[in-house]
Amino acid sequence: MADLNLPLIAAIAWMVALCLIGGLMTPRADWYAKLRKPSWQPPGWAFGPGWTIILGLAAWAAVRAWNAGTPAQQADVLILFGVNGLFHLLWSPLFFKLQRPDWALIEVPFLWASVLAMVIGLWPIDQLAALLILPYLGWVAFAASLNWKVVDLNPR
């Protein structure tokens, strides 16, 4: 049992849970197919691998920060990743399950702020861990612009 790396197991569980729940909350329904979307939207197949890479990097960042941190900093890591997980999981049900891209757009700044907080909060603990979050921050910014354009092209 001494060989178990609990921080690594927890980080992988966080990543898998976000990917799995996010995927389950993203049905490919007729409603979504009928939405007008911008020409620069990535193909649907790219989202799963993209999120897996982004959240894999975030899990790696969590493990690095946990291992480098003091007990107080480890508590901060848990809070940062917990808050982010909550905001991460809110977007898909708003957009896809409730079919409200406008409500999802209102939620995006909270998600983006939670990712930015991860970068800022991890920086003093482990700078590489903070840098590993940057693709997540960039993707959420891109996804926000995509969400905005979907709202713009599909007024209620």
N, C-alpha and C. Protein backbone atom coordinates (compact mmCIF):
# COMPACT_ATOMS: atom_id res chain seq x y z
N MET A 1 0.80 -1.20 0.00
CA MET A 1 0.00 0.00 0.00
C MET A 1 0.84 1.26 0.00
N ALA A 2 2.08 1.16 0.47
CA ALA A 2 2.95 2.34 0.56
C ALA A 2 3.28 2.88 -0.83
N ASP A 3 3.12 2.07 -1.87
CA ASP A 3 3.46 2.51 -3.21
C ASP A 3 2.34 3.32 -3.86
N LEU A 4 1.17 3.36 -3.26
CA LEU A 4 0.07 4.13 -3.83
C LEU A 4 0.41 5.62 -3.82
N ASN A 5 0.21 6.24 -4.94
CA ASN A 5 0.43 7.67 -5.06
C ASN A 5 -0.95 8.34 -5.03
N LEU A 6 -1.44 8.63 -3.83
CA LEU A 6 -2.80 9.16 -3.68
C LEU A 6 -3.02 10.48 -4.41
N PRO A 7 -2.06 11.43 -4.39
CA PRO A 7 -2.29 12.65 -5.16
C PRO A 7 -2.47 12.37 -6.66
N LEU A 8 -1.70 11.45 -7.19
CA LEU A 8 -1.82 11.11 -8.61
C LEU A 8 -3.17 10.44 -8.89
N ILE A 9 -3.56 9.52 -8.03
CA ILE A 9 -4.86 8.85 -8.20
C ILE A 9 -6.00 9.86 -8.11
N ALA A 10 -5.93 10.78 -7.16
CA ALA A 10 -6.99 11.81 -7.02
C ALA A 10 -7.03 12.71 -8.24
N ALA A 11 -5.87 13.12 -8.75
CA ALA A 11 -5.83 14.00 -9.91
C ALA A 11 -6.39 13.31 -11.15
N ILE A 12 -6.04 12.05 -11.32
CA ILE A 12 -6.58 11.30 -12.46
C ILE A 12 -8.09 11.12 -12.32
N ALA A 13 -8.55 10.84 -11.10
CA ALA A 13 -9.99 10.69 -10.86
C ALA A 13 -10.71 12.00 -11.17
N TRP A 14 -10.13 13.15 -10.76
CA TRP A 14 -10.71 14.47 -11.06
C TRP A 14 -10.83 14.66 -12.57
N MET A 15 -9.74 14.35 -13.29
CA MET A 15 -9.73 14.52 -14.73
C MET A 15 -10.75 13.62 -15.42
N VAL A 16 -10.76 12.34 -15.04
CA VAL A 16 -11.68 11.39 -15.66
C VAL A 16 -13.12 11.78 -15.35
N ALA A 17 -13.39 12.19 -14.12
CA ALA A 17 -14.76 12.60 -13.76
C ALA A 17 -15.21 13.79 -14.59
N LEU A 18 -14.34 14.80 -14.74
CA LEU A 18 -14.72 15.97 -15.53
C LEU A 18 -14.94 15.60 -16.99
N CYS A 19 -14.07 14.75 -17.54
CA CYS A 19 -14.24 14.32 -18.93
C CYS A 19 -15.50 13.49 -19.11
N LEU A 20 -15.72 12.55 -18.21
CA LEU A 20 -16.86 11.65 -18.33
C LEU A 20 -18.18 12.40 -18.13
N ILE A 21 -18.28 13.16 -17.05
CA ILE A 21 -19.53 13.89 -16.78
C ILE A 21 -19.77 14.93 -17.87
N GLY A 22 -18.70 15.63 -18.28
CA GLY A 22 -18.84 16.61 -19.36
C GLY A 22 -19.33 15.95 -20.64
N GLY A 23 -18.78 14.79 -20.95
CA GLY A 23 -19.22 14.07 -22.14
C GLY A 23 -20.66 13.61 -22.06
N LEU A 24 -21.06 13.13 -20.88
CA LEU A 24 -22.45 12.70 -20.70
C LEU A 24 -23.43 13.86 -20.76
N MET A 25 -22.96 15.04 -20.42
CA MET A 25 -23.81 16.23 -20.45
C MET A 25 -23.79 16.93 -21.81
N THR A 26 -23.16 16.30 -22.79
CA THR A 26 -23.03 16.91 -24.11
C THR A 26 -23.65 15.99 -25.16
N PRO A 27 -24.96 15.85 -25.14
CA PRO A 27 -25.59 14.99 -26.14
C PRO A 27 -25.58 15.66 -27.51
N ARG A 28 -25.44 14.87 -28.52
CA ARG A 28 -25.51 15.38 -29.89
C ARG A 28 -26.96 15.26 -30.35
N ALA A 29 -27.76 16.24 -30.00
CA ALA A 29 -29.19 16.21 -30.30
C ALA A 29 -29.48 16.98 -31.57
N ASP A 30 -30.69 16.78 -32.09
CA ASP A 30 -31.13 17.53 -33.26
C ASP A 30 -31.06 19.04 -33.00
N TRP A 31 -31.40 19.42 -31.77
CA TRP A 31 -31.36 20.83 -31.42
C TRP A 31 -29.99 21.43 -31.72
N TYR A 32 -28.94 20.75 -31.29
CA TYR A 32 -27.58 21.27 -31.49
C TYR A 32 -27.21 21.26 -32.97
N ALA A 33 -27.59 20.21 -33.66
CA ALA A 33 -27.28 20.10 -35.09
C ALA A 33 -27.91 21.25 -35.88
N LYS A 34 -29.06 21.72 -35.44
CA LYS A 34 -29.78 22.78 -36.15
C LYS A 34 -29.27 24.18 -35.83
N LEU A 35 -28.46 24.32 -34.80
CA LEU A 35 -27.92 25.64 -34.47
C LEU A 35 -27.00 26.13 -35.57
N ARG A 36 -27.04 27.42 -35.81
CA ARG A 36 -26.05 28.03 -36.70
C ARG A 36 -24.77 28.22 -35.89
N LYS A 37 -23.66 27.81 -36.52
CA LYS A 37 -22.37 27.88 -35.83
C LYS A 37 -21.37 28.60 -36.73
N PRO A 38 -20.36 29.21 -36.13
CA PRO A 38 -19.37 29.91 -36.95
C PRO A 38 -18.52 28.93 -37.76
N SER A 39 -18.00 29.39 -38.86
CA SER A 39 -17.19 28.53 -39.73
C SER A 39 -15.89 28.08 -39.05
N TRP A 40 -15.46 28.83 -38.05
CA TRP A 40 -14.19 28.52 -37.38
C TRP A 40 -14.35 27.58 -36.19
N GLN A 41 -15.54 27.03 -36.00
CA GLN A 41 -15.73 26.05 -34.92
C GLN A 41 -14.97 24.78 -35.27
N PRO A 42 -14.21 24.23 -34.32
CA PRO A 42 -13.51 22.96 -34.58
C PRO A 42 -14.53 21.84 -34.84
N PRO A 43 -14.09 20.79 -35.53
CA PRO A 43 -15.01 19.67 -35.75
C PRO A 43 -15.37 19.00 -34.43
N GLY A 44 -16.55 18.42 -34.37
CA GLY A 44 -17.03 17.81 -33.14
C GLY A 44 -16.10 16.77 -32.55
N TRP A 45 -15.43 15.98 -33.41
CA TRP A 45 -14.55 14.93 -32.92
C TRP A 45 -13.35 15.49 -32.16
N ALA A 46 -13.00 16.75 -32.35
CA ALA A 46 -11.80 17.32 -31.73
C ALA A 46 -12.01 17.67 -30.25
N PHE A 47 -13.25 17.83 -29.82
CA PHE A 47 -13.50 18.27 -28.45
C PHE A 47 -13.09 17.24 -27.40
N GLY A 48 -13.40 15.98 -27.61
CA GLY A 48 -13.04 14.94 -26.65
C GLY A 48 -11.54 14.84 -26.43
N PRO A 49 -10.76 14.64 -27.50
CA PRO A 49 -9.31 14.59 -27.32
C PRO A 49 -8.73 15.90 -26.77
N GLY A 50 -9.29 17.02 -27.22
CA GLY A 50 -8.81 18.31 -26.73
C GLY A 50 -8.99 18.46 -25.23
N TRP A 51 -10.19 18.15 -24.76
CA TRP A 51 -10.46 18.24 -23.32
C TRP A 51 -9.62 17.23 -22.54
N THR A 52 -9.40 16.05 -23.10
CA THR A 52 -8.59 15.05 -22.41
C THR A 52 -7.16 15.56 -22.22
N ILE A 53 -6.59 16.16 -23.24
CA ILE A 53 -5.24 16.72 -23.13
C ILE A 53 -5.21 17.87 -22.13
N ILE A 54 -6.15 18.79 -22.25
CA ILE A 54 -6.18 19.96 -21.37
C ILE A 54 -6.34 19.55 -19.91
N LEU A 55 -7.28 18.65 -19.65
CA LEU A 55 -7.51 18.23 -18.27
C LEU A 55 -6.40 17.30 -17.78
N GLY A 56 -5.76 16.57 -18.70
CA GLY A 56 -4.59 15.79 -18.32
C GLY A 56 -3.45 16.69 -17.85
N LEU A 57 -3.23 17.79 -18.57
CA LEU A 57 -2.21 18.76 -18.15
C LEU A 57 -2.57 19.37 -16.80
N ALA A 58 -3.85 19.64 -16.60
CA ALA A 58 -4.30 20.22 -15.33
C ALA A 58 -4.09 19.21 -14.18
N ALA A 59 -4.36 17.95 -14.45
CA ALA A 59 -4.14 16.92 -13.42
C ALA A 59 -2.65 16.83 -13.07
N TRP A 60 -1.81 16.89 -14.09
CA TRP A 60 -0.36 16.89 -13.86
C TRP A 60 0.03 18.09 -13.01
N ALA A 61 -0.55 19.24 -13.32
CA ALA A 61 -0.29 20.46 -12.54
C ALA A 61 -0.71 20.27 -11.09
N ALA A 62 -1.85 19.65 -10.87
CA ALA A 62 -2.34 19.42 -9.50
C ALA A 62 -1.36 18.56 -8.71
N VAL A 63 -0.88 17.50 -9.33
CA VAL A 63 0.05 16.60 -8.65
C VAL A 63 1.36 17.33 -8.34
N ARG A 64 1.87 18.08 -9.31
CA ARG A 64 3.12 18.83 -9.08
C ARG A 64 2.94 19.81 -7.93
N ALA A 65 1.84 20.57 -7.95
CA ALA A 65 1.61 21.57 -6.90
C ALA A 65 1.42 20.91 -5.54
N TRP A 66 0.67 19.83 -5.52
CA TRP A 66 0.46 19.11 -4.26
C TRP A 66 1.78 18.65 -3.67
N ASN A 67 2.60 18.03 -4.51
CA ASN A 67 3.88 17.49 -4.04
C ASN A 67 4.85 18.59 -3.63
N ALA A 68 4.75 19.77 -4.23
CA ALA A 68 5.67 20.87 -3.91
C ALA A 68 5.17 21.73 -2.75
N GLY A 69 3.89 21.62 -2.42
CA GLY A 69 3.28 22.54 -1.47
C GLY A 69 3.39 22.14 -0.02
N THR A 70 3.24 23.14 0.81
CA THR A 70 3.10 22.95 2.25
C THR A 70 1.67 22.46 2.51
N PRO A 71 1.37 22.00 3.73
CA PRO A 71 -0.03 21.61 4.00
C PRO A 71 -1.03 22.73 3.71
N ALA A 72 -0.70 23.97 4.02
CA ALA A 72 -1.61 25.09 3.72
C ALA A 72 -1.77 25.26 2.22
N GLN A 73 -0.69 25.13 1.49
CA GLN A 73 -0.76 25.25 0.03
C GLN A 73 -1.52 24.07 -0.58
N GLN A 74 -1.37 22.90 0.00
CA GLN A 74 -2.12 21.75 -0.48
C GLN A 74 -3.63 21.98 -0.32
N ALA A 75 -4.02 22.61 0.77
CA ALA A 75 -5.43 22.96 0.96
C ALA A 75 -5.88 23.93 -0.13
N ASP A 76 -5.01 24.89 -0.47
CA ASP A 76 -5.33 25.83 -1.55
C ASP A 76 -5.50 25.10 -2.88
N VAL A 77 -4.64 24.12 -3.15
CA VAL A 77 -4.74 23.34 -4.39
C VAL A 77 -6.10 22.64 -4.45
N LEU A 78 -6.51 22.03 -3.34
CA LEU A 78 -7.82 21.36 -3.31
C LEU A 78 -8.96 22.34 -3.59
N ILE A 79 -8.89 23.52 -2.98
CA ILE A 79 -9.93 24.53 -3.17
C ILE A 79 -9.95 25.00 -4.62
N LEU A 80 -8.78 25.31 -5.17
CA LEU A 80 -8.71 25.79 -6.55
C LEU A 80 -9.29 24.77 -7.53
N PHE A 81 -8.90 23.52 -7.38
CA PHE A 81 -9.37 22.49 -8.32
C PHE A 81 -10.83 22.12 -8.05
N GLY A 82 -11.26 22.19 -6.80
CA GLY A 82 -12.66 21.93 -6.49
C GLY A 82 -13.59 22.98 -7.06
N VAL A 83 -13.24 24.24 -6.88
CA VAL A 83 -14.06 25.34 -7.43
C VAL A 83 -14.08 25.26 -8.95
N ASN A 84 -12.92 25.03 -9.53
CA ASN A 84 -12.86 24.90 -10.98
C ASN A 84 -13.72 23.75 -11.47
N GLY A 85 -13.65 22.61 -10.79
CA GLY A 85 -14.45 21.46 -11.19
C GLY A 85 -15.94 21.78 -11.19
N LEU A 86 -16.38 22.52 -10.19
CA LEU A 86 -17.79 22.92 -10.12
C LEU A 86 -18.18 23.78 -11.32
N PHE A 87 -17.39 24.81 -11.60
CA PHE A 87 -17.72 25.67 -12.74
C PHE A 87 -17.57 24.94 -14.07
N HIS A 88 -16.60 24.05 -14.14
CA HIS A 88 -16.41 23.26 -15.36
C HIS A 88 -17.65 22.41 -15.64
N LEU A 89 -18.20 21.82 -14.58
CA LEU A 89 -19.35 20.93 -14.75
C LEU A 89 -20.67 21.67 -14.97
N LEU A 90 -20.73 22.94 -14.70
CA LEU A 90 -21.98 23.69 -14.90
C LEU A 90 -22.24 24.06 -16.36
N TRP A 91 -21.19 24.23 -17.13
CA TRP A 91 -21.37 24.77 -18.48
C TRP A 91 -22.17 23.84 -19.39
N SER A 92 -21.77 22.58 -19.49
CA SER A 92 -22.43 21.65 -20.43
C SER A 92 -23.92 21.47 -20.18
N PRO A 93 -24.36 21.29 -18.92
CA PRO A 93 -25.81 21.16 -18.72
C PRO A 93 -26.56 22.43 -19.12
N LEU A 94 -25.97 23.58 -18.86
CA LEU A 94 -26.63 24.83 -19.26
C LEU A 94 -26.77 24.90 -20.78
N PHE A 95 -25.68 24.63 -21.47
CA PHE A 95 -25.67 24.75 -22.93
C PHE A 95 -26.49 23.64 -23.59
N PHE A 96 -26.19 22.38 -23.24
CA PHE A 96 -26.75 21.24 -23.97
C PHE A 96 -28.04 20.69 -23.37
N LYS A 97 -28.04 20.42 -22.06
CA LYS A 97 -29.23 19.80 -21.46
C LYS A 97 -30.40 20.78 -21.40
N LEU A 98 -30.13 22.00 -20.96
CA LEU A 98 -31.19 23.01 -20.90
C LEU A 98 -31.37 23.75 -22.22
N GLN A 99 -30.44 23.51 -23.16
CA GLN A 99 -30.46 24.16 -24.47
C GLN A 99 -30.49 25.68 -24.34
N ARG A 100 -29.61 26.18 -23.47
CA ARG A 100 -29.53 27.61 -23.20
C ARG A 100 -28.09 28.12 -23.37
N PRO A 101 -27.64 28.28 -24.61
CA PRO A 101 -26.31 28.83 -24.81
C PRO A 101 -26.14 30.21 -24.16
N ASP A 102 -27.24 30.96 -24.06
CA ASP A 102 -27.16 32.29 -23.42
C ASP A 102 -26.85 32.16 -21.93
N TRP A 103 -27.45 31.20 -21.25
CA TRP A 103 -27.15 30.99 -19.83
C TRP A 103 -25.72 30.46 -19.67
N ALA A 104 -25.30 29.57 -20.58
CA ALA A 104 -23.93 29.05 -20.53
C ALA A 104 -22.93 30.20 -20.71
N LEU A 105 -23.27 31.16 -21.56
CA LEU A 105 -22.38 32.30 -21.77
C LEU A 105 -22.25 33.14 -20.50
N ILE A 106 -23.31 33.24 -19.73
CA ILE A 106 -23.26 33.97 -18.46
C ILE A 106 -22.35 33.23 -17.47
N GLU A 107 -22.31 31.90 -17.55
CA GLU A 107 -21.49 31.10 -16.64
C GLU A 107 -20.01 31.13 -17.01
N VAL A 108 -19.69 31.37 -18.29
CA VAL A 108 -18.30 31.32 -18.77
C VAL A 108 -17.33 32.20 -17.98
N PRO A 109 -17.66 33.45 -17.64
CA PRO A 109 -16.68 34.24 -16.89
C PRO A 109 -16.29 33.61 -15.54
N PHE A 110 -17.22 32.91 -14.92
CA PHE A 110 -16.92 32.24 -13.66
C PHE A 110 -15.95 31.07 -13.90
N LEU A 111 -16.20 30.31 -14.97
CA LEU A 111 -15.29 29.22 -15.33
C LEU A 111 -13.91 29.78 -15.65
N TRP A 112 -13.85 30.81 -16.48
CA TRP A 112 -12.57 31.40 -16.87
C TRP A 112 -11.83 31.94 -15.64
N ALA A 113 -12.56 32.61 -14.76
CA ALA A 113 -11.94 33.15 -13.54
C ALA A 113 -11.40 32.02 -12.66
N SER A 114 -12.10 30.89 -12.62
CA SER A 114 -11.61 29.77 -11.81
C SER A 114 -10.33 29.19 -12.40
N VAL A 115 -10.21 29.19 -13.72
CA VAL A 115 -8.98 28.71 -14.35
C VAL A 115 -7.84 29.71 -14.12
N LEU A 116 -8.15 31.00 -14.26
CA LEU A 116 -7.15 32.04 -13.98
C LEU A 116 -6.69 31.95 -12.53
N ALA A 117 -7.61 31.70 -11.62
CA ALA A 117 -7.26 31.56 -10.20
C ALA A 117 -6.30 30.38 -10.01
N MET A 118 -6.48 29.32 -10.79
CA MET A 118 -5.56 28.19 -10.71
C MET A 118 -4.15 28.62 -11.11
N VAL A 119 -4.04 29.36 -12.19
CA VAL A 119 -2.72 29.83 -12.65
C VAL A 119 -2.08 30.69 -11.56
N ILE A 120 -2.83 31.65 -11.06
CA ILE A 120 -2.30 32.58 -10.06
C ILE A 120 -1.98 31.84 -8.76
N GLY A 121 -2.87 30.96 -8.33
CA GLY A 121 -2.69 30.25 -7.07
C GLY A 121 -1.56 29.23 -7.10
N LEU A 122 -1.33 28.62 -8.27
CA LEU A 122 -0.27 27.61 -8.37
C LEU A 122 1.11 28.24 -8.57
N TRP A 123 1.15 29.45 -9.11
CA TRP A 123 2.43 30.07 -9.43
C TRP A 123 3.43 30.09 -8.26
N PRO A 124 3.03 30.53 -7.06
CA PRO A 124 4.01 30.55 -5.98
C PRO A 124 4.39 29.15 -5.46
N ILE A 125 3.59 28.16 -5.78
CA ILE A 125 3.85 26.80 -5.33
C ILE A 125 4.78 26.08 -6.30
N ASP A 126 4.44 26.14 -7.59
CA ASP A 126 5.21 25.45 -8.63
C ASP A 126 4.90 26.15 -9.96
N GLN A 127 5.89 26.84 -10.49
CA GLN A 127 5.65 27.63 -11.69
C GLN A 127 5.31 26.77 -12.91
N LEU A 128 5.92 25.61 -13.02
CA LEU A 128 5.57 24.73 -14.14
C LEU A 128 4.12 24.29 -14.03
N ALA A 129 3.67 24.00 -12.82
CA ALA A 129 2.26 23.62 -12.62
C ALA A 129 1.34 24.74 -13.11
N ALA A 130 1.67 25.98 -12.78
CA ALA A 130 0.87 27.11 -13.24
C ALA A 130 0.87 27.19 -14.76
N LEU A 131 2.02 26.99 -15.37
CA LEU A 131 2.12 27.06 -16.83
C LEU A 131 1.34 25.93 -17.51
N LEU A 132 1.25 24.78 -16.85
CA LEU A 132 0.48 23.66 -17.41
C LEU A 132 -1.01 23.97 -17.51
N ILE A 133 -1.47 24.97 -16.77
CA ILE A 133 -2.89 25.37 -16.80
C ILE A 133 -3.19 26.32 -17.96
N LEU A 134 -2.16 26.94 -18.53
CA LEU A 134 -2.39 27.93 -19.59
C LEU A 134 -3.17 27.42 -20.79
N PRO A 135 -2.95 26.17 -21.27
CA PRO A 135 -3.82 25.71 -22.37
C PRO A 135 -5.30 25.68 -21.99
N TYR A 136 -5.59 25.35 -20.75
CA TYR A 136 -6.97 25.34 -20.25
C TYR A 136 -7.53 26.77 -20.30
N LEU A 137 -6.75 27.72 -19.83
CA LEU A 137 -7.17 29.12 -19.84
C LEU A 137 -7.43 29.59 -21.28
N GLY A 138 -6.52 29.25 -22.18
CA GLY A 138 -6.69 29.64 -23.58
C GLY A 138 -7.89 28.98 -24.22
N TRP A 139 -8.12 27.70 -23.91
CA TRP A 139 -9.26 27.00 -24.51
C TRP A 139 -10.58 27.57 -24.01
N VAL A 140 -10.65 27.88 -22.73
CA VAL A 140 -11.90 28.46 -22.20
C VAL A 140 -12.15 29.83 -22.83
N ALA A 141 -11.10 30.60 -23.07
CA ALA A 141 -11.27 31.89 -23.75
C ALA A 141 -11.79 31.68 -25.18
N PHE A 142 -11.22 30.70 -25.87
CA PHE A 142 -11.68 30.37 -27.22
C PHE A 142 -13.13 29.87 -27.19
N ALA A 143 -13.41 28.96 -26.26
CA ALA A 143 -14.76 28.41 -26.14
C ALA A 143 -15.77 29.51 -25.80
N ALA A 144 -15.36 30.50 -25.02
CA ALA A 144 -16.24 31.62 -24.69
C ALA A 144 -16.60 32.39 -25.96
N SER A 145 -15.61 32.61 -26.82
CA SER A 145 -15.90 33.34 -28.07
C SER A 145 -16.80 32.50 -28.97
N LEU A 146 -16.60 31.21 -28.97
CA LEU A 146 -17.46 30.31 -29.74
C LEU A 146 -18.88 30.33 -29.18
N ASN A 147 -19.01 30.26 -27.87
CA ASN A 147 -20.32 30.32 -27.20
C ASN A 147 -21.01 31.64 -27.54
N TRP A 148 -20.27 32.73 -27.47
CA TRP A 148 -20.84 34.05 -27.79
C TRP A 148 -21.35 34.08 -29.22
N LYS A 149 -20.58 33.52 -30.16
CA LYS A 149 -20.98 33.55 -31.56
C LYS A 149 -22.22 32.69 -31.79
N VAL A 150 -22.33 31.55 -31.09
CA VAL A 150 -23.53 30.72 -31.20
C VAL A 150 -24.75 31.50 -30.71
N VAL A 151 -24.60 32.20 -29.59
CA VAL A 151 -25.71 33.02 -29.08
C VAL A 151 -26.06 34.10 -30.09
N ASP A 152 -25.05 34.74 -30.65
CA ASP A 152 -25.25 35.82 -31.63
C ASP A 152 -25.96 35.31 -32.89
N LEU A 153 -25.58 34.13 -33.36
CA LEU A 153 -26.16 33.58 -34.59
C LEU A 153 -27.53 32.95 -34.39
N ASN A 154 -27.90 32.70 -33.12
CA ASN A 154 -29.15 31.99 -32.82
C ASN A 154 -29.93 32.74 -31.74
N PRO A 155 -30.43 33.93 -32.07
CA PRO A 155 -31.20 34.64 -31.03
C PRO A 155 -32.43 33.85 -30.62
N ARG A 156 -32.76 33.93 -29.35
CA ARG A 156 -33.93 33.17 -28.85
C ARG A 156 -35.20 33.75 -29.40
